[in-house]
């Protein structure tokens, strides 16, 4: 994402002040990775993270950067075995499907390969 734009944000939905603090602490522990990326915790009371996330993206696109493209980078988790795909959340897929219908929003899907740990035996 840092190669695509100068305004890069990592958005996380948080449901409590404790969760916000924990994520901020973790974010600040890896400055080599997080430098140049703004951490944006979006507070929300419920477990459905799609609505506040989409609202945030729409606000950025329509208010902060009107008449410009907003690029949303969404990870796609690729497990080592196909059967494991069912164990991973479909949130990213649902987010991509919802954002596809928004003019001015570009979605980039980035595969993230999940591998077994060395020494793992089923």
PDB file of N, CA and C in Angstrom:
ATOM      1  N   UNK A   1       0.829  -1.196   0.000  1.00  0.00           N
ATOM      2  CA  UNK A   1       0.000   0.000   0.000  1.00  0.00           C
ATOM      3  C   UNK A   1       0.868   1.252   0.000  1.00  0.00           C
ATOM      4  N   UNK A   2       1.996   1.215   0.710  1.00  0.00           N
ATOM      5  CA  UNK A   2       2.869   2.383   0.760  1.00  0.00           C
ATOM      6  C   UNK A   2       3.475   2.700  -0.605  1.00  0.00           C
ATOM      7  N   UNK A   3       3.540   1.716  -1.476  1.00  0.00           N
ATOM      8  CA  UNK A   3       4.056   1.951  -2.821  1.00  0.00           C
ATOM      9  C   UNK A   3       3.013   2.586  -3.733  1.00  0.00           C
ATOM     10  N   UNK A   4       1.745   2.520  -3.336  1.00  0.00           N
ATOM     11  CA  UNK A   4       0.668   3.038  -4.169  1.00  0.00           C
ATOM     12  C   UNK A   4       0.272   4.466  -3.848  1.00  0.00           C
ATOM     13  N   UNK A   5       0.444   4.890  -2.595  1.00  0.00           N
ATOM     14  CA  UNK A   5      -0.071   6.201  -2.189  1.00  0.00           C
ATOM     15  C   UNK A   5       0.744   6.771  -1.043  1.00  0.00           C
ATOM     16  N   UNK A   6       0.608   8.068  -0.860  1.00  0.00           N
ATOM     17  CA  UNK A   6       1.301   8.711   0.262  1.00  0.00           C
ATOM     18  C   UNK A   6       0.427   8.739   1.517  1.00  0.00           C
ATOM     19  N   UNK A   7      -0.883   8.661   1.351  1.00  0.00           N
ATOM     20  CA  UNK A   7      -1.807   8.625   2.497  1.00  0.00           C
ATOM     21  C   UNK A   7      -2.265   7.179   2.663  1.00  0.00           C
ATOM     22  N   UNK A   8      -1.580   6.438   3.542  1.00  0.00           N
ATOM     23  CA  UNK A   8      -1.897   5.030   3.761  1.00  0.00           C
ATOM     24  C   UNK A   8      -2.405   4.865   5.177  1.00  0.00           C
ATOM     25  N   UNK A   9      -3.509   4.156   5.327  1.00  0.00           N
ATOM     26  CA  UNK A   9      -4.124   3.949   6.631  1.00  0.00           C
ATOM     27  C   UNK A   9      -4.414   2.468   6.838  1.00  0.00           C
ATOM     28  N   UNK A  10      -4.140   2.006   8.034  1.00  0.00           N
ATOM     29  CA  UNK A  10      -4.517   0.654   8.438  1.00  0.00           C
ATOM     30  C   UNK A  10      -5.718   0.822   9.362  1.00  0.00           C
ATOM     31  N   UNK A  11      -6.869   0.351   8.924  1.00  0.00           N
ATOM     32  CA  UNK A  11      -8.110   0.551   9.667  1.00  0.00           C
ATOM     33  C   UNK A  11      -8.460  -0.723  10.406  1.00  0.00           C
ATOM     34  N   UNK A  12      -8.791  -0.559  11.689  1.00  0.00           N
ATOM     35  CA  UNK A  12      -9.203  -1.700  12.507  1.00  0.00           C
ATOM     36  C   UNK A  12     -10.458  -1.317  13.277  1.00  0.00           C
ATOM     37  N   UNK A  13     -11.408  -2.215  13.301  1.00  0.00           N
ATOM     38  CA  UNK A  13     -12.626  -2.002  14.087  1.00  0.00           C
ATOM     39  C   UNK A  13     -12.330  -2.457  15.505  1.00  0.00           C
ATOM     40  N   UNK A  14     -12.588  -1.580  16.472  1.00  0.00           N
ATOM     41  CA  UNK A  14     -12.358  -1.917  17.877  1.00  0.00           C
ATOM     42  C   UNK A  14     -13.677  -1.822  18.633  1.00  0.00           C
ATOM     43  N   UNK A  15     -13.856  -2.726  19.572  1.00  0.00           N
ATOM     44  CA  UNK A  15     -15.118  -2.770  20.308  1.00  0.00           C
ATOM     45  C   UNK A  15     -14.971  -2.377  21.779  1.00  0.00           C
ATOM     46  N   UNK A  16     -13.744  -2.029  22.198  1.00  0.00           N
ATOM     47  CA  UNK A  16     -13.552  -1.619  23.586  1.00  0.00           C
ATOM     48  C   UNK A  16     -12.294  -0.765  23.695  1.00  0.00           C
ATOM     49  N   UNK A  17     -12.220   0.071  24.728  1.00  0.00           N
ATOM     50  CA  UNK A  17     -10.992   0.854  24.936  1.00  0.00           C
ATOM     51  C   UNK A  17      -9.770  -0.044  25.154  1.00  0.00           C
ATOM     52  N   UNK A  18      -9.967  -1.183  25.799  1.00  0.00           N
ATOM     53  CA  UNK A  18      -8.853  -2.114  26.038  1.00  0.00           C
ATOM     54  C   UNK A  18      -8.317  -2.674  24.722  1.00  0.00           C
ATOM     55  N   UNK A  19      -9.211  -3.024  23.830  1.00  0.00           N
ATOM     56  CA  UNK A  19      -8.797  -3.554  22.535  1.00  0.00           C
ATOM     57  C   UNK A  19      -8.060  -2.467  21.739  1.00  0.00           C
ATOM     58  N   UNK A  20      -8.562  -1.256  21.788  1.00  0.00           N
ATOM     59  CA  UNK A  20      -7.918  -0.128  21.100  1.00  0.00           C
ATOM     60  C   UNK A  20      -6.491   0.065  21.621  1.00  0.00           C
ATOM     61  N   UNK A  21      -6.346   0.057  22.943  1.00  0.00           N
ATOM     62  CA  UNK A  21      -5.033   0.246  23.564  1.00  0.00           C
ATOM     63  C   UNK A  21      -4.080  -0.889  23.195  1.00  0.00           C
ATOM     64  N   UNK A  22      -4.569  -2.114  23.214  1.00  0.00           N
ATOM     65  CA  UNK A  22      -3.736  -3.276  22.888  1.00  0.00           C
ATOM     66  C   UNK A  22      -3.250  -3.211  21.443  1.00  0.00           C
ATOM     67  N   UNK A  23      -4.153  -2.871  20.530  1.00  0.00           N
ATOM     68  CA  UNK A  23      -3.767  -2.774  19.123  1.00  0.00           C
ATOM     69  C   UNK A  23      -2.798  -1.619  18.884  1.00  0.00           C
ATOM     70  N   UNK A  24      -3.025  -0.490  19.534  1.00  0.00           N
ATOM     71  CA  UNK A  24      -2.111   0.655  19.408  1.00  0.00           C
ATOM     72  C   UNK A  24      -0.724   0.290  19.922  1.00  0.00           C
ATOM     73  N   UNK A  25      -0.688  -0.424  21.040  1.00  0.00           N
ATOM     74  CA  UNK A  25       0.592  -0.857  21.606  1.00  0.00           C
ATOM     75  C   UNK A  25       1.331  -1.782  20.629  1.00  0.00           C
ATOM     76  N   UNK A  26       0.620  -2.748  20.070  1.00  0.00           N
ATOM     77  CA  UNK A  26       1.226  -3.669  19.106  1.00  0.00           C
ATOM     78  C   UNK A  26       1.703  -2.912  17.862  1.00  0.00           C
ATOM     79  N   UNK A  27       0.913  -1.959  17.402  1.00  0.00           N
ATOM     80  CA  UNK A  27       1.253  -1.174  16.224  1.00  0.00           C
ATOM     81  C   UNK A  27       2.568  -0.420  16.446  1.00  0.00           C
ATOM     82  N   UNK A  28       2.693   0.172  17.612  1.00  0.00           N
ATOM     83  CA  UNK A  28       3.873   0.971  17.924  1.00  0.00           C
ATOM     84  C   UNK A  28       5.125   0.131  18.177  1.00  0.00           C
ATOM     85  N   UNK A  29       4.962  -1.158  18.392  1.00  0.00           N
ATOM     86  CA  UNK A  29       6.110  -2.037  18.651  1.00  0.00           C
ATOM     87  C   UNK A  29       6.876  -2.405  17.389  1.00  0.00           C
ATOM     88  N   UNK A  30       6.303  -2.173  16.212  1.00  0.00           N
ATOM     89  CA  UNK A  30       6.961  -2.561  14.961  1.00  0.00           C
ATOM     90  C   UNK A  30       7.084  -1.357  14.013  1.00  0.00           C
ATOM     91  N   UNK A  31       7.833  -0.337  14.431  1.00  0.00           N
ATOM     92  CA  UNK A  31       7.933   0.869  13.604  1.00  0.00           C
ATOM     93  C   UNK A  31       8.567   0.633  12.232  1.00  0.00           C
ATOM     94  N   UNK A  32       9.384  -0.377  12.098  1.00  0.00           N
ATOM     95  CA  UNK A  32       9.978  -0.672  10.798  1.00  0.00           C
ATOM     96  C   UNK A  32       8.929  -1.049   9.763  1.00  0.00           C
ATOM     97  N   UNK A  33       7.831  -1.617  10.216  1.00  0.00           N
ATOM     98  CA  UNK A  33       6.749  -2.021   9.321  1.00  0.00           C
ATOM     99  C   UNK A  33       5.686  -0.930   9.229  1.00  0.00           C
ATOM    100  N   UNK A  34       5.430  -0.250  10.329  1.00  0.00           N
ATOM    101  CA  UNK A  34       4.296   0.676  10.388  1.00  0.00           C
ATOM    102  C   UNK A  34       4.636   2.123  10.066  1.00  0.00           C
ATOM    103  N   UNK A  35       5.913   2.467   9.930  1.00  0.00           N
ATOM    104  CA  UNK A  35       6.278   3.844   9.578  1.00  0.00           C
ATOM    105  C   UNK A  35       5.598   4.257   8.279  1.00  0.00           C
ATOM    106  N   UNK A  36       5.017   5.435   8.279  1.00  0.00           N
ATOM    107  CA  UNK A  36       4.359   5.947   7.083  1.00  0.00           C
ATOM    108  C   UNK A  36       2.941   5.455   6.906  1.00  0.00           C
ATOM    109  N   UNK A  37       2.460   4.662   7.855  1.00  0.00           N
ATOM    110  CA  UNK A  37       1.088   4.149   7.794  1.00  0.00           C
ATOM    111  C   UNK A  37       0.360   4.608   9.051  1.00  0.00           C
ATOM    112  N   UNK A  38      -0.755   5.286   8.846  1.00  0.00           N
ATOM    113  CA  UNK A  38      -1.544   5.775   9.976  1.00  0.00           C
ATOM    114  C   UNK A  38      -2.456   4.660  10.489  1.00  0.00           C
ATOM    115  N   UNK A  39      -2.394   4.389  11.790  1.00  0.00           N
ATOM    116  CA  UNK A  39      -3.293   3.411  12.414  1.00  0.00           C
ATOM    117  C   UNK A  39      -4.598   4.125  12.757  1.00  0.00           C
ATOM    118  N   UNK A  40      -5.721   3.623  12.235  1.00  0.00           N
ATOM    119  CA  UNK A  40      -7.023   4.239  12.448  1.00  0.00           C
ATOM    120  C   UNK A  40      -7.957   3.232  13.116  1.00  0.00           C
ATOM    121  N   UNK A  41      -8.110   3.331  14.444  1.00  0.00           N
ATOM    122  CA  UNK A  41      -9.094   2.473  15.104  1.00  0.00           C
ATOM    123  C   UNK A  41     -10.481   3.104  14.974  1.00  0.00           C
ATOM    124  N   UNK A  42     -11.437   2.331  14.509  1.00  0.00           N
ATOM    125  CA  UNK A  42     -12.824   2.793  14.372  1.00  0.00           C
ATOM    126  C   UNK A  42     -13.635   2.084  15.444  1.00  0.00           C
ATOM    127  N   UNK A  43     -14.198   2.855  16.346  1.00  0.00           N
ATOM    128  CA  UNK A  43     -14.950   2.265  17.455  1.00  0.00           C
ATOM    129  C   UNK A  43     -16.343   1.859  17.002  1.00  0.00           C
ATOM    130  N   UNK A  44     -16.738   0.687  17.477  1.00  0.00           N
ATOM    131  CA  UNK A  44     -18.052   0.154  17.127  1.00  0.00           C
ATOM    132  C   UNK A  44     -18.466  -0.816  18.217  1.00  0.00           C
ATOM    133  N   UNK A  45     -19.739  -0.824  18.554  1.00  0.00           N
ATOM    134  CA  UNK A  45     -20.234  -1.627  19.676  1.00  0.00           C
ATOM    135  C   UNK A  45     -20.575  -3.073  19.328  1.00  0.00           C
ATOM    136  N   UNK A  46     -20.742  -3.372  18.068  1.00  0.00           N
ATOM    137  CA  UNK A  46     -21.218  -4.697  17.691  1.00  0.00           C
ATOM    138  C   UNK A  46     -20.139  -5.487  16.970  1.00  0.00           C
ATOM    139  N   UNK A  47     -20.373  -6.740  16.737  1.00  0.00           N
ATOM    140  CA  UNK A  47     -19.379  -7.613  16.114  1.00  0.00           C
ATOM    141  C   UNK A  47     -19.346  -7.497  14.584  1.00  0.00           C
ATOM    142  N   UNK A  48     -20.383  -6.952  13.969  1.00  0.00           N
ATOM    143  CA  UNK A  48     -20.414  -6.806  12.522  1.00  0.00           C
ATOM    144  C   UNK A  48     -19.470  -5.681  12.114  1.00  0.00           C
ATOM    145  N   UNK A  49     -18.294  -6.047  11.636  1.00  0.00           N
ATOM    146  CA  UNK A  49     -17.295  -5.028  11.329  1.00  0.00           C
ATOM    147  C   UNK A  49     -17.482  -4.403   9.955  1.00  0.00           C
ATOM    148  N   UNK A  50     -18.259  -5.023   9.087  1.00  0.00           N
ATOM    149  CA  UNK A  50     -18.394  -4.510   7.731  1.00  0.00           C
ATOM    150  C   UNK A  50     -19.041  -3.130   7.670  1.00  0.00           C
ATOM    151  N   UNK A  51     -20.109  -2.910   8.413  1.00  0.00           N
ATOM    152  CA  UNK A  51     -20.817  -1.630   8.325  1.00  0.00           C
ATOM    153  C   UNK A  51     -19.941  -0.444   8.712  1.00  0.00           C
ATOM    154  N   UNK A  52     -19.289  -0.449   9.883  1.00  0.00           N
ATOM    155  CA  UNK A  52     -18.459   0.716  10.205  1.00  0.00           C
ATOM    156  C   UNK A  52     -17.250   0.856   9.283  1.00  0.00           C
ATOM    157  N   UNK A  53     -16.722  -0.241   8.793  1.00  0.00           N
ATOM    158  CA  UNK A  53     -15.586  -0.194   7.880  1.00  0.00           C
ATOM    159  C   UNK A  53     -15.999   0.435   6.547  1.00  0.00           C
ATOM    160  N   UNK A  54     -17.121   0.009   6.017  1.00  0.00           N
ATOM    161  CA  UNK A  54     -17.617   0.568   4.754  1.00  0.00           C
ATOM    162  C   UNK A  54     -17.979   2.038   4.931  1.00  0.00           C
ATOM    163  N   UNK A  55     -18.586   2.379   6.057  1.00  0.00           N
ATOM    164  CA  UNK A  55     -18.911   3.786   6.328  1.00  0.00           C
ATOM    165  C   UNK A  55     -17.643   4.636   6.364  1.00  0.00           C
ATOM    166  N   UNK A  56     -16.585   4.131   6.983  1.00  0.00           N
ATOM    167  CA  UNK A  56     -15.325   4.858   7.053  1.00  0.00           C
ATOM    168  C   UNK A  56     -14.737   5.046   5.653  1.00  0.00           C
ATOM    169  N   UNK A  57     -14.727   3.989   4.854  1.00  0.00           N
ATOM    170  CA  UNK A  57     -14.178   4.066   3.497  1.00  0.00           C
ATOM    171  C   UNK A  57     -14.989   5.044   2.651  1.00  0.00           C
ATOM    172  N   UNK A  58     -16.314   4.985   2.766  1.00  0.00           N
ATOM    173  CA  UNK A  58     -17.164   5.917   2.027  1.00  0.00           C
ATOM    174  C   UNK A  58     -16.884   7.364   2.432  1.00  0.00           C
ATOM    175  N   UNK A  59     -16.719   7.608   3.730  1.00  0.00           N
ATOM    176  CA  UNK A  59     -16.433   8.961   4.225  1.00  0.00           C
ATOM    177  C   UNK A  59     -15.112   9.464   3.657  1.00  0.00           C
ATOM    178  N   UNK A  60     -14.095   8.634   3.700  1.00  0.00           N
ATOM    179  CA  UNK A  60     -12.797   9.027   3.153  1.00  0.00           C
ATOM    180  C   UNK A  60     -12.930   9.346   1.669  1.00  0.00           C
ATOM    181  N   UNK A  61     -13.621   8.483   0.941  1.00  0.00           N
ATOM    182  CA  UNK A  61     -13.767   8.643  -0.505  1.00  0.00           C
ATOM    183  C   UNK A  61     -14.593   9.876  -0.866  1.00  0.00           C
ATOM    184  N   UNK A  62     -15.694  10.107  -0.179  1.00  0.00           N
ATOM    185  CA  UNK A  62     -16.622  11.171  -0.551  1.00  0.00           C
ATOM    186  C   UNK A  62     -16.285  12.529   0.062  1.00  0.00           C
ATOM    187  N   UNK A  63     -15.735  12.540   1.281  1.00  0.00           N
ATOM    188  CA  UNK A  63     -15.503  13.811   1.974  1.00  0.00           C
ATOM    189  C   UNK A  63     -14.038  14.243   1.930  1.00  0.00           C
ATOM    190  N   UNK A  64     -13.131  13.333   2.286  1.00  0.00           N
ATOM    191  CA  UNK A  64     -11.719  13.705   2.321  1.00  0.00           C
ATOM    192  C   UNK A  64     -11.098  13.797   0.929  1.00  0.00           C
ATOM    193  N   UNK A  65     -11.498  12.898   0.040  1.00  0.00           N
ATOM    194  CA  UNK A  65     -10.921  12.855  -1.298  1.00  0.00           C
ATOM    195  C   UNK A  65     -12.010  12.786  -2.366  1.00  0.00           C
ATOM    196  N   UNK A  66     -12.879  13.811  -2.425  1.00  0.00           N
ATOM    197  CA  UNK A  66     -13.939  13.775  -3.442  1.00  0.00           C
ATOM    198  C   UNK A  66     -13.334  13.870  -4.847  1.00  0.00           C
ATOM    199  N   UNK A  67     -13.982  13.231  -5.789  1.00  0.00           N
ATOM    200  CA  UNK A  67     -13.553  13.245  -7.185  1.00  0.00           C
ATOM    201  C   UNK A  67     -12.171  12.614  -7.395  1.00  0.00           C
ATOM    202  N   UNK A  68     -11.762  11.747  -6.470  1.00  0.00           N
ATOM    203  CA  UNK A  68     -10.518  11.002  -6.615  1.00  0.00           C
ATOM    204  C   UNK A  68     -10.806   9.525  -6.367  1.00  0.00           C
ATOM    205  N   UNK A  69      -9.902   8.693  -6.779  1.00  0.00           N
ATOM    206  CA  UNK A  69     -10.038   7.261  -6.500  1.00  0.00           C
ATOM    207  C   UNK A  69      -9.492   6.966  -5.108  1.00  0.00           C
ATOM    208  N   UNK A  70     -10.177   6.113  -4.403  1.00  0.00           N
ATOM    209  CA  UNK A  70      -9.706   5.600  -3.118  1.00  0.00           C
ATOM    210  C   UNK A  70      -9.387   4.131  -3.329  1.00  0.00           C
ATOM    211  N   UNK A  71      -8.161   3.754  -3.010  1.00  0.00           N
ATOM    212  CA  UNK A  71      -7.733   2.368  -3.183  1.00  0.00           C
ATOM    213  C   UNK A  71      -7.802   1.657  -1.842  1.00  0.00           C
ATOM    214  N   UNK A  72      -8.479   0.519  -1.828  1.00  0.00           N
ATOM    215  CA  UNK A  72      -8.601  -0.294  -0.624  1.00  0.00           C
ATOM    216  C   UNK A  72      -7.853  -1.602  -0.881  1.00  0.00           C
ATOM    217  N   UNK A  73      -6.848  -1.853  -0.070  1.00  0.00           N
ATOM    218  CA  UNK A  73      -6.061  -3.082  -0.199  1.00  0.00           C
ATOM    219  C   UNK A  73      -6.638  -4.092   0.780  1.00  0.00           C
ATOM    220  N   UNK A  74      -7.112  -5.211   0.266  1.00  0.00           N
ATOM    221  CA  UNK A  74      -7.774  -6.238   1.076  1.00  0.00           C
ATOM    222  C   UNK A  74      -6.979  -7.537   0.992  1.00  0.00           C
ATOM    223  N   UNK A  75      -6.599  -8.096   2.137  1.00  0.00           N
ATOM    224  CA  UNK A  75      -5.860  -9.365   2.086  1.00  0.00           C
ATOM    225  C   UNK A  75      -6.777 -10.535   1.735  1.00  0.00           C
ATOM    226  N   UNK A  76      -6.208 -11.496   1.055  1.00  0.00           N
ATOM    227  CA  UNK A  76      -6.898 -12.759   0.789  1.00  0.00           C
ATOM    228  C   UNK A  76      -6.034 -13.855   1.397  1.00  0.00           C
ATOM    229  N   UNK A  77      -6.542 -14.514   2.412  1.00  0.00           N
ATOM    230  CA  UNK A  77      -5.774 -15.554   3.078  1.00  0.00           C
ATOM    231  C   UNK A  77      -5.819 -16.833   2.259  1.00  0.00           C
ATOM    232  N   UNK A  78      -4.644 -17.329   1.922  1.00  0.00           N
ATOM    233  CA  UNK A  78      -4.506 -18.544   1.116  1.00  0.00           C
ATOM    234  C   UNK A  78      -3.874 -19.617   2.006  1.00  0.00           C
ATOM    235  N   UNK A  79      -4.683 -20.530   2.535  1.00  0.00           N
ATOM    236  CA  UNK A  79      -4.103 -21.586   3.374  1.00  0.00           C
ATOM    237  C   UNK A  79      -3.387 -22.630   2.509  1.00  0.00           C
ATOM    238  N   UNK A  80      -2.530 -23.392   3.164  1.00  0.00           N
ATOM    239  CA  UNK A  80      -1.754 -24.411   2.463  1.00  0.00           C
ATOM    240  C   UNK A  80      -2.667 -25.480   1.853  1.00  0.00           C
ATOM    241  N   UNK A  81      -3.751 -25.802   2.557  1.00  0.00           N
ATOM    242  CA  UNK A  81      -4.663 -26.840   2.075  1.00  0.00           C
ATOM    243  C   UNK A  81      -6.027 -26.225   1.801  1.00  0.00           C
ATOM    244  N   UNK A  82      -6.633 -26.626   0.692  1.00  0.00           N
ATOM    245  CA  UNK A  82      -7.929 -26.069   0.289  1.00  0.00           C
ATOM    246  C   UNK A  82      -9.005 -26.236   1.356  1.00  0.00           C
ATOM    247  N   UNK A  83      -9.013 -27.345   2.035  1.00  0.00           N
ATOM    248  CA  UNK A  83     -10.042 -27.591   3.048  1.00  0.00           C
ATOM    249  C   UNK A  83      -9.979 -26.538   4.157  1.00  0.00           C
ATOM    250  N   UNK A  84      -8.799 -26.016   4.414  1.00  0.00           N
ATOM    251  CA  UNK A  84      -8.639 -25.014   5.479  1.00  0.00           C
ATOM    252  C   UNK A  84      -9.264 -23.676   5.109  1.00  0.00           C
ATOM    253  N   UNK A  85      -9.552 -23.458   3.839  1.00  0.00           N
ATOM    254  CA  UNK A  85     -10.166 -22.210   3.400  1.00  0.00           C
ATOM    255  C   UNK A  85     -11.495 -21.964   4.101  1.00  0.00           C
ATOM    256  N   UNK A  86     -12.209 -23.013   4.409  1.00  0.00           N
ATOM    257  CA  UNK A  86     -13.507 -22.884   5.070  1.00  0.00           C
ATOM    258  C   UNK A  86     -13.364 -22.434   6.520  1.00  0.00           C
ATOM    259  N   UNK A  87     -12.171 -22.588   7.085  1.00  0.00           N
ATOM    260  CA  UNK A  87     -11.944 -22.196   8.476  1.00  0.00           C
ATOM    261  C   UNK A  87     -11.678 -20.704   8.608  1.00  0.00           C
ATOM    262  N   UNK A  88     -11.319 -20.040   7.527  1.00  0.00           N
ATOM    263  CA  UNK A  88     -10.990 -18.624   7.590  1.00  0.00           C
ATOM    264  C   UNK A  88     -12.228 -17.784   7.318  1.00  0.00           C
ATOM    265  N   UNK A  89     -12.267 -16.647   7.954  1.00  0.00           N
ATOM    266  CA  UNK A  89     -13.397 -15.744   7.834  1.00  0.00           C
ATOM    267  C   UNK A  89     -13.603 -15.315   6.390  1.00  0.00           C
ATOM    268  N   UNK A  90     -14.836 -15.126   6.016  1.00  0.00           N
ATOM    269  CA  UNK A  90     -15.196 -14.651   4.681  1.00  0.00           C
ATOM    270  C   UNK A  90     -15.408 -13.138   4.684  1.00  0.00           C
ATOM    271  N   UNK A  91     -14.943 -12.475   5.725  1.00  0.00           N
ATOM    272  CA  UNK A  91     -15.154 -11.036   5.859  1.00  0.00           C
ATOM    273  C   UNK A  91     -14.527 -10.275   4.697  1.00  0.00           C
ATOM    274  N   UNK A  92     -13.306 -10.619   4.316  1.00  0.00           N
ATOM    275  CA  UNK A  92     -12.629  -9.917   3.225  1.00  0.00           C
ATOM    276  C   UNK A  92     -13.406 -10.080   1.922  1.00  0.00           C
ATOM    277  N   UNK A  93     -13.913 -11.258   1.676  1.00  0.00           N
ATOM    278  CA  UNK A  93     -14.695 -11.504   0.462  1.00  0.00           C
ATOM    279  C   UNK A  93     -15.978 -10.677   0.473  1.00  0.00           C
ATOM    280  N   UNK A  94     -16.644 -10.623   1.611  1.00  0.00           N
ATOM    281  CA  UNK A  94     -17.868  -9.821   1.719  1.00  0.00           C
ATOM    282  C   UNK A  94     -17.558  -8.333   1.558  1.00  0.00           C
ATOM    283  N   UNK A  95     -16.428  -7.886   2.098  1.00  0.00           N
ATOM    284  CA  UNK A  95     -16.033  -6.495   1.949  1.00  0.00           C
ATOM    285  C   UNK A  95     -15.792  -6.171   0.477  1.00  0.00           C
ATOM    286  N   UNK A  96     -15.051  -7.016  -0.207  1.00  0.00           N
ATOM    287  CA  UNK A  96     -14.802  -6.798  -1.633  1.00  0.00           C
ATOM    288  C   UNK A  96     -16.113  -6.741  -2.414  1.00  0.00           C
ATOM    289  N   UNK A  97     -17.026  -7.654  -2.118  1.00  0.00           N
ATOM    290  CA  UNK A  97     -18.309  -7.676  -2.823  1.00  0.00           C
ATOM    291  C   UNK A  97     -19.112  -6.397  -2.589  1.00  0.00           C
ATOM    292  N   UNK A  98     -19.098  -5.895  -1.366  1.00  0.00           N
ATOM    293  CA  UNK A  98     -19.847  -4.670  -1.050  1.00  0.00           C
ATOM    294  C   UNK A  98     -19.217  -3.437  -1.684  1.00  0.00           C
ATOM    295  N   UNK A  99     -17.881  -3.356  -1.695  1.00  0.00           N
ATOM    296  CA  UNK A  99     -17.210  -2.171  -2.221  1.00  0.00           C
ATOM    297  C   UNK A  99     -17.194  -2.120  -3.745  1.00  0.00           C
ATOM    298  N   UNK A 100     -17.389  -3.240  -4.388  1.00  0.00           N
ATOM    299  CA  UNK A 100     -17.389  -3.304  -5.846  1.00  0.00           C
ATOM    300  C   UNK A 100     -18.420  -2.351  -6.455  1.00  0.00           C
ATOM    301  N   UNK A 101     -19.481  -2.095  -5.752  1.00  0.00           N
ATOM    302  CA  UNK A 101     -20.576  -1.277  -6.284  1.00  0.00           C
ATOM    303  C   UNK A 101     -20.403   0.211  -6.010  1.00  0.00           C
ATOM    304  N   UNK A 102     -19.282   0.609  -5.417  1.00  0.00           N
ATOM    305  CA  UNK A 102     -19.047   2.014  -5.107  1.00  0.00           C
ATOM    306  C   UNK A 102     -18.166   2.653  -6.180  1.00  0.00           C
ATOM    307  N   UNK A 103     -18.701   3.628  -6.902  1.00  0.00           N
ATOM    308  CA  UNK A 103     -17.836   4.313  -7.871  1.00  0.00           C
ATOM    309  C   UNK A 103     -16.766   5.109  -7.121  1.00  0.00           C
ATOM    310  N   UNK A 104     -15.586   5.144  -7.656  1.00  0.00           N
ATOM    311  CA  UNK A 104     -14.508   5.896  -7.019  1.00  0.00           C
ATOM    312  C   UNK A 104     -13.693   5.090  -6.035  1.00  0.00           C
ATOM    313  N   UNK A 105     -14.076   3.825  -5.828  1.00  0.00           N
ATOM    314  CA  UNK A 105     -13.326   2.964  -4.915  1.00  0.00           C
ATOM    315  C   UNK A 105     -12.742   1.809  -5.715  1.00  0.00           C
ATOM    316  N   UNK A 106     -11.431   1.661  -5.615  1.00  0.00           N
ATOM    317  CA  UNK A 106     -10.707   0.595  -6.300  1.00  0.00           C
ATOM    318  C   UNK A 106     -10.278  -0.416  -5.245  1.00  0.00           C
ATOM    319  N   UNK A 107     -10.473  -1.683  -5.544  1.00  0.00           N
ATOM    320  CA  UNK A 107     -10.129  -2.739  -4.595  1.00  0.00           C
ATOM    321  C   UNK A 107      -8.949  -3.525  -5.151  1.00  0.00           C
ATOM    322  N   UNK A 108      -7.927  -3.674  -4.327  1.00  0.00           N
ATOM    323  CA  UNK A 108      -6.776  -4.497  -4.686  1.00  0.00           C
ATOM    324  C   UNK A 108      -6.743  -5.670  -3.714  1.00  0.00           C
ATOM    325  N   UNK A 109      -6.748  -6.851  -4.266  1.00  0.00           N
ATOM    326  CA  UNK A 109      -6.710  -8.072  -3.469  1.00  0.00           C
ATOM    327  C   UNK A 109      -5.271  -8.565  -3.415  1.00  0.00           C
ATOM    328  N   UNK A 110      -4.746  -8.747  -2.196  1.00  0.00           N
ATOM    329  CA  UNK A 110      -3.371  -9.197  -2.021  1.00  0.00           C
ATOM    330  C   UNK A 110      -3.377 -10.565  -1.350  1.00  0.00           C
ATOM    331  N   UNK A 111      -2.869 -11.588  -2.033  1.00  0.00           N
ATOM    332  CA  UNK A 111      -2.834 -12.918  -1.417  1.00  0.00           C
ATOM    333  C   UNK A 111      -1.811 -12.979  -0.287  1.00  0.00           C
ATOM    334  N   UNK A 112      -2.201 -13.605   0.793  1.00  0.00           N
ATOM    335  CA  UNK A 112      -1.322 -13.826   1.938  1.00  0.00           C
ATOM    336  C   UNK A 112      -1.327 -15.327   2.205  1.00  0.00           C
ATOM    337  N   UNK A 113      -0.214 -15.979   1.911  1.00  0.00           N
ATOM    338  CA  UNK A 113      -0.140 -17.438   2.012  1.00  0.00           C
ATOM    339  C   UNK A 113       0.132 -17.871   3.446  1.00  0.00           C
ATOM    340  N   UNK A 114      -0.716 -18.758   3.932  1.00  0.00           N
ATOM    341  CA  UNK A 114      -0.589 -19.285   5.288  1.00  0.00           C
ATOM    342  C   UNK A 114       0.029 -20.680   5.183  1.00  0.00           C
ATOM    343  N   UNK A 115       1.140 -20.864   5.843  1.00  0.00           N
ATOM    344  CA  UNK A 115       1.848 -22.140   5.811  1.00  0.00           C
ATOM    345  C   UNK A 115       1.877 -22.757   7.211  1.00  0.00           C
ATOM    346  N   UNK A 116       2.018 -24.081   7.222  1.00  0.00           N
ATOM    347  CA  UNK A 116       2.170 -24.777   8.501  1.00  0.00           C
ATOM    348  C   UNK A 116       3.479 -24.383   9.148  1.00  0.00           C
ATOM    349  N   UNK A 117       3.507 -24.404  10.447  1.00  0.00           N
ATOM    350  CA  UNK A 117       4.744 -24.173  11.178  1.00  0.00           C
ATOM    351  C   UNK A 117       5.671 -25.363  10.994  1.00  0.00           C
ATOM    352  N   UNK A 118       7.002 -25.111  10.934  1.00  0.00           N
ATOM    353  CA  UNK A 118       7.934 -26.244  10.854  1.00  0.00           C
ATOM    354  C   UNK A 118       7.757 -27.160  12.066  1.00  0.00           C
ATOM    355  N   UNK A 119       7.798 -28.428  11.833  1.00  0.00           N
ATOM    356  CA  UNK A 119       7.656 -29.388  12.922  1.00  0.00           C
ATOM    357  C   UNK A 119       6.212 -29.760  13.232  1.00  0.00           C
ATOM    358  N   UNK A 120       5.248 -29.125  12.547  1.00  0.00           N
ATOM    359  CA  UNK A 120       3.833 -29.435  12.777  1.00  0.00           C
ATOM    360  C   UNK A 120       3.507 -30.801  12.227  1.00  0.00           C
ATOM    361  N   UNK A 121       2.828 -31.612  13.045  1.00  0.00           N
ATOM    362  CA  UNK A 121       2.349 -32.901  12.577  1.00  0.00           C
ATOM    363  C   UNK A 121       0.871 -33.013  12.919  1.00  0.00           C
ATOM    364  N   UNK A 122       0.048 -33.324  11.930  1.00  0.00           N
ATOM    365  CA  UNK A 122      -1.398 -33.403  12.186  1.00  0.00           C
ATOM    366  C   UNK A 122      -1.770 -34.599  13.042  1.00  0.00           C
TER     367      UNK A 122
END
